């Protein structure tokens, strides 16, 4: 199972806004998601989250500013090579301005107006929980269309 990261920049206390990325290429193309990607061999999960954020948005986040929000496993029975576990982080502190890259077009959203109709189907189940401070330990299994949630467990 692939190990990946998801880092979401957030603003406000309580959280009012979140930076999502519109995926222009690759896995998840055409969807909004948090910023992240694969953990490279020899790389820690935290360093991978920071590296992916910088590569995809030009934003720099310090390790000390990462807030761990847990992990979620995703299962795609019709395409098991897509199975993955994401380690989720939030950060309220960073340096730089989000800049579009070859892979991601970053965009700020109010947390009460997330584009769920343009996100993975699982997002409606867990994004609201993470954004109020809940730590995730969950699993989602997709239908054979690789789009619709078949089952989930928190």
N, C-alpha and C. Protein backbone atom coordinates (compact mmCIF):
# COMPACT_ATOMS: atom_id res chain seq x y z
N UNK A 1 0.86 -1.19 0.00
CA UNK A 1 0.00 0.00 0.00
C UNK A 1 0.89 1.23 0.00
N UNK A 2 0.59 2.16 -0.90
CA UNK A 2 1.36 3.39 -1.02
C UNK A 2 1.14 4.27 0.22
N UNK A 3 2.22 4.87 0.72
CA UNK A 3 2.14 5.81 1.85
C UNK A 3 2.27 7.21 1.28
N UNK A 4 1.30 8.06 1.63
CA UNK A 4 1.26 9.42 1.10
C UNK A 4 0.97 10.43 2.21
N UNK A 5 1.05 11.70 1.85
CA UNK A 5 0.78 12.78 2.80
C UNK A 5 -0.27 13.72 2.22
N UNK A 6 -0.90 14.45 3.11
CA UNK A 6 -1.83 15.51 2.74
C UNK A 6 -1.63 16.63 3.75
N UNK A 7 -1.26 17.81 3.27
CA UNK A 7 -1.02 18.96 4.14
C UNK A 7 -1.98 20.06 3.73
N UNK A 8 -2.73 20.55 4.71
CA UNK A 8 -3.71 21.59 4.44
C UNK A 8 -3.36 22.84 5.24
N UNK A 9 -3.14 23.94 4.53
CA UNK A 9 -2.93 25.22 5.20
C UNK A 9 -4.29 25.77 5.59
N UNK A 10 -4.39 26.26 6.82
CA UNK A 10 -5.66 26.76 7.33
C UNK A 10 -5.47 28.12 7.98
N UNK A 11 -6.53 28.92 7.99
CA UNK A 11 -6.52 30.24 8.60
C UNK A 11 -7.71 30.38 9.54
N UNK A 12 -7.52 31.18 10.58
CA UNK A 12 -8.61 31.50 11.50
C UNK A 12 -8.59 30.64 12.74
N UNK A 13 -9.22 31.15 13.79
CA UNK A 13 -9.36 30.42 15.05
C UNK A 13 -10.73 30.76 15.63
N UNK A 14 -11.74 29.91 15.40
CA UNK A 14 -11.65 28.59 14.77
C UNK A 14 -11.35 28.71 13.27
N UNK A 15 -10.95 27.59 12.69
CA UNK A 15 -10.56 27.56 11.28
C UNK A 15 -11.71 28.06 10.41
N UNK A 16 -11.39 29.04 9.54
CA UNK A 16 -12.40 29.60 8.65
C UNK A 16 -12.09 29.35 7.18
N UNK A 17 -10.81 29.19 6.84
CA UNK A 17 -10.41 29.02 5.45
C UNK A 17 -9.36 27.93 5.32
N UNK A 18 -9.36 27.26 4.16
CA UNK A 18 -8.43 26.18 3.88
C UNK A 18 -7.92 26.31 2.45
N UNK A 19 -6.63 26.01 2.27
CA UNK A 19 -6.04 25.99 0.94
C UNK A 19 -6.18 24.58 0.36
N UNK A 20 -6.88 24.48 -0.75
CA UNK A 20 -6.98 23.22 -1.48
C UNK A 20 -6.28 23.40 -2.82
N UNK A 21 -5.97 22.29 -3.45
CA UNK A 21 -5.34 22.34 -4.76
C UNK A 21 -6.21 21.66 -5.80
N UNK A 22 -6.38 22.31 -6.94
CA UNK A 22 -7.07 21.69 -8.07
C UNK A 22 -6.04 20.86 -8.82
N UNK A 23 -6.26 19.56 -8.89
CA UNK A 23 -5.30 18.62 -9.47
C UNK A 23 -5.39 18.70 -10.99
N UNK A 24 -4.29 19.12 -11.62
CA UNK A 24 -4.27 19.32 -13.07
C UNK A 24 -3.80 18.09 -13.83
N UNK A 25 -3.02 17.23 -13.18
CA UNK A 25 -2.48 16.02 -13.82
C UNK A 25 -2.45 14.87 -12.83
N UNK A 26 -2.32 13.66 -13.33
CA UNK A 26 -2.09 12.49 -12.48
C UNK A 26 -3.30 12.03 -11.69
N UNK A 27 -3.01 11.26 -10.63
CA UNK A 27 -4.04 10.67 -9.78
C UNK A 27 -4.92 11.77 -9.19
N UNK A 28 -6.23 11.67 -9.39
CA UNK A 28 -7.15 12.68 -8.88
C UNK A 28 -7.34 13.88 -9.79
N UNK A 29 -6.84 13.79 -11.03
CA UNK A 29 -6.96 14.91 -11.98
C UNK A 29 -8.41 15.39 -12.05
N UNK A 30 -8.58 16.73 -12.00
CA UNK A 30 -9.90 17.32 -12.10
C UNK A 30 -10.63 17.47 -10.77
N UNK A 31 -9.95 17.11 -9.67
CA UNK A 31 -10.57 17.20 -8.34
C UNK A 31 -9.79 18.19 -7.47
N UNK A 32 -10.49 18.76 -6.48
CA UNK A 32 -9.83 19.55 -5.45
C UNK A 32 -9.45 18.63 -4.30
N UNK A 33 -8.29 18.89 -3.72
CA UNK A 33 -7.80 18.08 -2.60
C UNK A 33 -6.81 18.90 -1.79
N UNK A 34 -6.41 18.35 -0.66
CA UNK A 34 -5.30 18.94 0.07
C UNK A 34 -4.03 18.73 -0.74
N UNK A 35 -2.96 19.40 -0.36
CA UNK A 35 -1.70 19.29 -1.09
C UNK A 35 -0.90 18.13 -0.52
N UNK A 36 -0.37 17.28 -1.38
CA UNK A 36 0.40 16.16 -0.87
C UNK A 36 0.87 15.24 -1.95
N UNK A 37 1.39 14.09 -1.51
CA UNK A 37 1.89 13.11 -2.46
C UNK A 37 2.63 11.99 -1.77
N UNK A 38 3.36 11.25 -2.56
CA UNK A 38 4.05 10.04 -2.10
C UNK A 38 5.23 10.36 -1.19
N UNK A 39 5.43 9.47 -0.22
CA UNK A 39 6.63 9.52 0.62
C UNK A 39 7.73 8.79 -0.15
N UNK A 40 8.85 9.45 -0.36
CA UNK A 40 9.96 8.87 -1.10
C UNK A 40 10.78 7.95 -0.19
N UNK A 41 11.49 6.96 -0.77
CA UNK A 41 12.34 6.07 0.04
C UNK A 41 13.32 6.87 0.89
N UNK A 42 13.41 6.52 2.18
CA UNK A 42 14.33 7.19 3.09
C UNK A 42 13.82 8.52 3.64
N UNK A 43 12.63 8.93 3.25
CA UNK A 43 12.07 10.21 3.66
C UNK A 43 11.05 9.99 4.78
N UNK A 44 11.03 10.88 5.77
CA UNK A 44 10.01 10.77 6.81
C UNK A 44 8.68 11.30 6.26
N UNK A 45 7.61 10.93 6.91
CA UNK A 45 6.28 11.38 6.49
C UNK A 45 6.18 12.90 6.59
N UNK A 46 6.71 13.47 7.67
CA UNK A 46 6.65 14.92 7.85
C UNK A 46 7.46 15.66 6.77
N UNK A 47 8.65 15.14 6.48
CA UNK A 47 9.47 15.79 5.44
C UNK A 47 8.81 15.68 4.08
N UNK A 48 8.14 14.57 3.82
CA UNK A 48 7.43 14.41 2.55
C UNK A 48 6.30 15.44 2.43
N UNK A 49 5.57 15.66 3.52
CA UNK A 49 4.47 16.63 3.50
C UNK A 49 5.00 18.03 3.18
N UNK A 50 6.11 18.38 3.80
CA UNK A 50 6.72 19.70 3.58
C UNK A 50 7.25 19.82 2.15
N UNK A 51 7.93 18.77 1.67
CA UNK A 51 8.48 18.78 0.31
C UNK A 51 7.37 18.92 -0.73
N UNK A 52 6.32 18.12 -0.58
CA UNK A 52 5.22 18.18 -1.54
C UNK A 52 4.57 19.56 -1.57
N UNK A 53 4.37 20.17 -0.41
CA UNK A 53 3.78 21.50 -0.35
C UNK A 53 4.65 22.51 -1.10
N UNK A 54 5.95 22.45 -0.87
CA UNK A 54 6.84 23.40 -1.53
C UNK A 54 6.90 23.15 -3.05
N UNK A 55 6.99 21.88 -3.45
CA UNK A 55 7.05 21.56 -4.88
C UNK A 55 5.78 21.98 -5.62
N UNK A 56 4.64 21.81 -4.98
CA UNK A 56 3.37 22.03 -5.67
C UNK A 56 2.80 23.43 -5.53
N UNK A 57 3.26 24.20 -4.52
CA UNK A 57 2.68 25.54 -4.30
C UNK A 57 3.70 26.63 -4.02
N UNK A 58 4.99 26.28 -3.87
CA UNK A 58 6.06 27.21 -3.49
C UNK A 58 5.96 27.68 -2.04
N UNK A 59 5.06 27.11 -1.26
CA UNK A 59 4.90 27.46 0.16
C UNK A 59 5.90 26.64 0.98
N UNK A 60 6.52 27.28 1.97
CA UNK A 60 7.45 26.60 2.87
C UNK A 60 6.81 26.51 4.25
N UNK A 61 6.75 25.30 4.78
CA UNK A 61 6.21 25.05 6.12
C UNK A 61 7.30 24.40 6.95
N UNK A 62 7.50 24.87 8.18
CA UNK A 62 8.49 24.29 9.09
C UNK A 62 7.90 23.04 9.76
N UNK A 63 8.76 22.05 10.02
CA UNK A 63 8.29 20.82 10.68
C UNK A 63 7.56 21.12 11.98
N UNK A 64 8.06 22.09 12.74
CA UNK A 64 7.45 22.41 14.04
C UNK A 64 6.02 22.94 13.90
N UNK A 65 5.66 23.38 12.69
CA UNK A 65 4.33 23.94 12.47
C UNK A 65 3.32 22.94 11.91
N UNK A 66 3.74 21.68 11.76
CA UNK A 66 2.82 20.64 11.29
C UNK A 66 1.98 20.14 12.46
N UNK A 67 0.68 20.09 12.27
CA UNK A 67 -0.25 19.54 13.25
C UNK A 67 -0.77 18.22 12.68
N UNK A 68 -0.41 17.12 13.33
CA UNK A 68 -0.86 15.82 12.84
C UNK A 68 -2.36 15.66 13.09
N UNK A 69 -3.07 15.27 12.04
CA UNK A 69 -4.51 15.05 12.14
C UNK A 69 -4.89 13.60 11.89
N UNK A 70 -3.91 12.70 11.94
CA UNK A 70 -4.19 11.28 11.82
C UNK A 70 -3.92 10.72 10.45
N UNK A 71 -4.58 9.61 10.16
CA UNK A 71 -4.36 8.92 8.88
C UNK A 71 -5.65 8.24 8.41
N UNK A 72 -5.72 8.03 7.11
CA UNK A 72 -6.86 7.35 6.50
C UNK A 72 -6.33 6.38 5.45
N UNK A 73 -6.89 5.17 5.44
CA UNK A 73 -6.55 4.19 4.40
C UNK A 73 -7.69 4.15 3.39
N UNK A 74 -7.31 4.07 2.12
CA UNK A 74 -8.26 4.01 1.02
C UNK A 74 -8.05 2.73 0.24
N UNK A 75 -9.15 2.04 -0.03
CA UNK A 75 -9.10 0.77 -0.76
C UNK A 75 -9.93 0.87 -2.03
N UNK A 76 -9.33 0.44 -3.12
CA UNK A 76 -9.96 0.43 -4.44
C UNK A 76 -9.95 -1.01 -4.96
N UNK A 77 -10.95 -1.83 -4.58
CA UNK A 77 -10.95 -3.24 -4.98
C UNK A 77 -10.84 -3.46 -6.49
N UNK A 78 -11.39 -2.55 -7.29
CA UNK A 78 -11.33 -2.69 -8.74
C UNK A 78 -9.97 -2.27 -9.30
N UNK A 79 -9.17 -1.60 -8.49
CA UNK A 79 -7.85 -1.12 -8.91
C UNK A 79 -6.93 -1.10 -7.69
N UNK A 80 -6.56 -2.28 -7.18
CA UNK A 80 -5.80 -2.35 -5.93
C UNK A 80 -4.47 -1.60 -5.94
N UNK A 81 -3.93 -1.35 -7.11
CA UNK A 81 -2.68 -0.58 -7.17
C UNK A 81 -2.89 0.86 -6.72
N UNK A 82 -4.14 1.31 -6.61
CA UNK A 82 -4.45 2.64 -6.11
C UNK A 82 -4.56 2.68 -4.59
N UNK A 83 -4.58 1.54 -3.91
CA UNK A 83 -4.73 1.53 -2.45
C UNK A 83 -3.65 2.40 -1.82
N UNK A 84 -4.03 3.19 -0.83
CA UNK A 84 -3.05 4.07 -0.19
C UNK A 84 -3.49 4.45 1.21
N UNK A 85 -2.50 4.86 1.98
CA UNK A 85 -2.74 5.45 3.30
C UNK A 85 -2.22 6.88 3.25
N UNK A 86 -3.06 7.83 3.65
CA UNK A 86 -2.61 9.22 3.72
C UNK A 86 -2.43 9.61 5.18
N UNK A 87 -1.37 10.34 5.43
CA UNK A 87 -1.11 10.94 6.74
C UNK A 87 -1.45 12.42 6.59
N UNK A 88 -2.38 12.88 7.42
CA UNK A 88 -2.96 14.21 7.28
C UNK A 88 -2.32 15.19 8.26
N UNK A 89 -1.98 16.36 7.74
CA UNK A 89 -1.42 17.43 8.56
C UNK A 89 -2.14 18.74 8.24
N UNK A 90 -2.23 19.58 9.25
CA UNK A 90 -2.68 20.96 9.09
C UNK A 90 -1.52 21.86 9.46
N UNK A 91 -1.53 23.08 8.95
CA UNK A 91 -0.59 24.09 9.41
C UNK A 91 -1.25 25.46 9.35
N UNK A 92 -1.04 26.23 10.42
CA UNK A 92 -1.55 27.60 10.47
C UNK A 92 -0.44 28.61 10.17
N UNK A 93 0.79 28.10 9.99
CA UNK A 93 1.94 28.98 9.77
C UNK A 93 2.74 28.49 8.57
N UNK A 94 3.17 29.43 7.72
CA UNK A 94 3.96 29.10 6.53
C UNK A 94 4.60 30.37 6.02
N UNK A 95 5.49 30.19 5.04
CA UNK A 95 6.15 31.31 4.37
C UNK A 95 5.84 31.24 2.89
N UNK A 96 5.54 32.39 2.30
CA UNK A 96 5.31 32.46 0.87
C UNK A 96 3.85 32.62 0.51
N UNK A 97 3.62 32.73 -0.78
CA UNK A 97 2.29 32.88 -1.34
C UNK A 97 2.02 31.68 -2.24
N UNK A 98 0.85 31.05 -2.11
CA UNK A 98 0.55 29.90 -2.96
C UNK A 98 0.66 30.26 -4.44
N UNK A 99 1.43 29.44 -5.16
CA UNK A 99 1.68 29.67 -6.58
C UNK A 99 1.32 28.42 -7.36
N UNK A 100 0.68 28.59 -8.49
CA UNK A 100 0.30 27.45 -9.33
C UNK A 100 1.54 26.75 -9.89
N UNK A 101 1.47 25.43 -9.93
CA UNK A 101 2.56 24.61 -10.49
C UNK A 101 2.01 23.78 -11.65
N UNK A 102 2.85 22.96 -12.22
CA UNK A 102 2.43 22.07 -13.31
C UNK A 102 1.32 21.12 -12.85
N UNK A 103 1.36 20.75 -11.56
CA UNK A 103 0.45 19.74 -11.03
C UNK A 103 -0.79 20.30 -10.32
N UNK A 104 -0.63 21.45 -9.66
CA UNK A 104 -1.67 21.96 -8.75
C UNK A 104 -1.96 23.44 -9.01
N UNK A 105 -3.26 23.79 -8.96
CA UNK A 105 -3.69 25.19 -8.95
C UNK A 105 -4.29 25.44 -7.57
N UNK A 106 -3.53 26.09 -6.65
CA UNK A 106 -4.03 26.30 -5.29
C UNK A 106 -5.13 27.35 -5.24
N UNK A 107 -6.08 27.13 -4.32
CA UNK A 107 -7.19 28.07 -4.15
C UNK A 107 -7.70 28.01 -2.72
N UNK A 108 -7.97 29.19 -2.13
CA UNK A 108 -8.53 29.27 -0.79
C UNK A 108 -10.04 29.08 -0.84
N UNK A 109 -10.56 28.36 0.18
CA UNK A 109 -12.00 28.15 0.31
C UNK A 109 -12.41 28.40 1.75
N UNK A 110 -13.59 28.99 1.92
CA UNK A 110 -14.21 29.06 3.24
C UNK A 110 -14.59 27.63 3.61
N UNK A 111 -14.37 27.24 4.87
CA UNK A 111 -14.63 25.85 5.27
C UNK A 111 -16.11 25.48 5.19
N UNK A 112 -16.99 26.47 5.13
CA UNK A 112 -18.42 26.20 5.00
C UNK A 112 -18.87 26.17 3.54
N UNK A 113 -17.92 26.37 2.63
CA UNK A 113 -18.24 26.37 1.20
C UNK A 113 -17.24 25.53 0.42
N UNK A 114 -16.88 24.37 0.96
CA UNK A 114 -15.94 23.50 0.27
C UNK A 114 -16.58 22.92 -0.99
N UNK A 115 -15.80 22.73 -2.04
CA UNK A 115 -16.35 22.24 -3.32
C UNK A 115 -16.51 20.72 -3.34
N UNK A 116 -17.31 20.19 -2.43
CA UNK A 116 -17.44 18.73 -2.29
C UNK A 116 -17.86 18.05 -3.59
N UNK A 117 -18.60 18.76 -4.44
CA UNK A 117 -19.02 18.17 -5.71
C UNK A 117 -17.85 18.02 -6.69
N UNK A 118 -16.70 18.60 -6.35
CA UNK A 118 -15.50 18.50 -7.19
C UNK A 118 -14.33 17.90 -6.42
N UNK A 119 -14.66 17.13 -5.36
CA UNK A 119 -13.65 16.46 -4.54
C UNK A 119 -13.93 14.95 -4.56
N UNK A 120 -12.98 14.17 -4.05
CA UNK A 120 -13.22 12.74 -3.89
C UNK A 120 -14.45 12.55 -3.01
N UNK A 121 -15.19 11.48 -3.24
CA UNK A 121 -16.44 11.20 -2.53
C UNK A 121 -16.25 11.11 -1.01
N UNK A 122 -15.09 10.67 -0.57
CA UNK A 122 -14.83 10.51 0.87
C UNK A 122 -14.73 11.84 1.61
N UNK A 123 -14.43 12.92 0.89
CA UNK A 123 -14.15 14.21 1.52
C UNK A 123 -15.27 14.70 2.43
N UNK A 124 -16.51 14.47 2.05
CA UNK A 124 -17.63 14.95 2.86
C UNK A 124 -17.68 14.28 4.22
N UNK A 125 -17.11 13.08 4.33
CA UNK A 125 -17.13 12.33 5.58
C UNK A 125 -16.09 12.82 6.58
N UNK A 126 -14.91 13.22 6.09
CA UNK A 126 -13.85 13.48 7.05
C UNK A 126 -13.29 14.90 7.07
N UNK A 127 -13.36 15.66 5.98
CA UNK A 127 -12.82 17.02 6.02
C UNK A 127 -13.46 17.85 7.14
N UNK A 128 -14.79 17.87 7.26
CA UNK A 128 -15.39 18.67 8.33
C UNK A 128 -14.89 18.26 9.72
N UNK A 129 -14.63 16.99 9.92
CA UNK A 129 -14.17 16.51 11.23
C UNK A 129 -12.75 16.99 11.52
N UNK A 130 -11.88 16.90 10.53
CA UNK A 130 -10.49 17.36 10.71
C UNK A 130 -10.46 18.86 10.96
N UNK A 131 -11.31 19.60 10.27
CA UNK A 131 -11.30 21.06 10.38
C UNK A 131 -11.82 21.58 11.71
N UNK A 132 -12.43 20.72 12.52
CA UNK A 132 -12.81 21.11 13.88
C UNK A 132 -11.88 20.47 14.92
N UNK A 133 -10.77 19.89 14.45
CA UNK A 133 -9.75 19.40 15.37
C UNK A 133 -9.77 17.92 15.67
N UNK A 134 -10.67 17.16 15.05
CA UNK A 134 -10.73 15.72 15.31
C UNK A 134 -9.55 15.02 14.64
N UNK A 135 -8.97 14.05 15.34
CA UNK A 135 -7.90 13.22 14.78
C UNK A 135 -8.53 12.05 14.05
N UNK A 136 -8.04 11.77 12.86
CA UNK A 136 -8.61 10.71 12.03
C UNK A 136 -7.87 9.39 12.18
N UNK A 137 -8.64 8.34 12.24
CA UNK A 137 -8.17 6.98 12.02
C UNK A 137 -9.34 6.33 11.33
N UNK A 138 -9.26 6.23 10.01
CA UNK A 138 -10.42 5.81 9.24
C UNK A 138 -9.99 4.95 8.06
N UNK A 139 -10.97 4.28 7.47
CA UNK A 139 -10.76 3.49 6.25
C UNK A 139 -11.98 3.67 5.35
N UNK A 140 -11.72 3.85 4.07
CA UNK A 140 -12.76 3.99 3.07
C UNK A 140 -12.52 2.97 1.97
N UNK A 141 -13.58 2.31 1.55
CA UNK A 141 -13.52 1.39 0.41
C UNK A 141 -14.43 1.93 -0.68
N UNK A 142 -13.90 1.97 -1.90
CA UNK A 142 -14.65 2.50 -3.03
C UNK A 142 -15.37 1.39 -3.79
N UNK A 143 -16.45 1.78 -4.47
CA UNK A 143 -17.18 0.90 -5.37
C UNK A 143 -16.30 0.60 -6.59
N UNK A 144 -16.77 -0.25 -7.47
CA UNK A 144 -16.00 -0.63 -8.66
C UNK A 144 -15.80 0.54 -9.63
N UNK A 145 -16.59 1.62 -9.48
CA UNK A 145 -16.38 2.80 -10.33
C UNK A 145 -15.19 3.64 -9.88
N UNK A 146 -14.58 3.29 -8.74
CA UNK A 146 -13.43 4.01 -8.17
C UNK A 146 -13.75 5.46 -7.84
N UNK A 147 -15.02 5.79 -7.71
CA UNK A 147 -15.45 7.16 -7.42
C UNK A 147 -16.36 7.23 -6.20
N UNK A 148 -17.20 6.23 -6.02
CA UNK A 148 -18.24 6.25 -4.99
C UNK A 148 -17.81 5.42 -3.79
N UNK A 149 -18.09 5.92 -2.59
CA UNK A 149 -17.76 5.18 -1.36
C UNK A 149 -18.72 4.01 -1.20
N UNK A 150 -18.15 2.82 -0.99
CA UNK A 150 -18.96 1.61 -0.72
C UNK A 150 -19.15 1.46 0.79
N UNK A 151 -18.04 1.53 1.54
CA UNK A 151 -18.09 1.41 3.00
C UNK A 151 -17.04 2.33 3.60
N UNK A 152 -17.27 2.66 4.86
CA UNK A 152 -16.27 3.45 5.59
C UNK A 152 -16.36 3.11 7.07
N UNK A 153 -15.26 3.38 7.76
CA UNK A 153 -15.19 3.11 9.20
C UNK A 153 -14.28 4.14 9.85
N UNK A 154 -14.76 4.72 10.97
CA UNK A 154 -13.95 5.65 11.76
C UNK A 154 -13.51 4.95 13.02
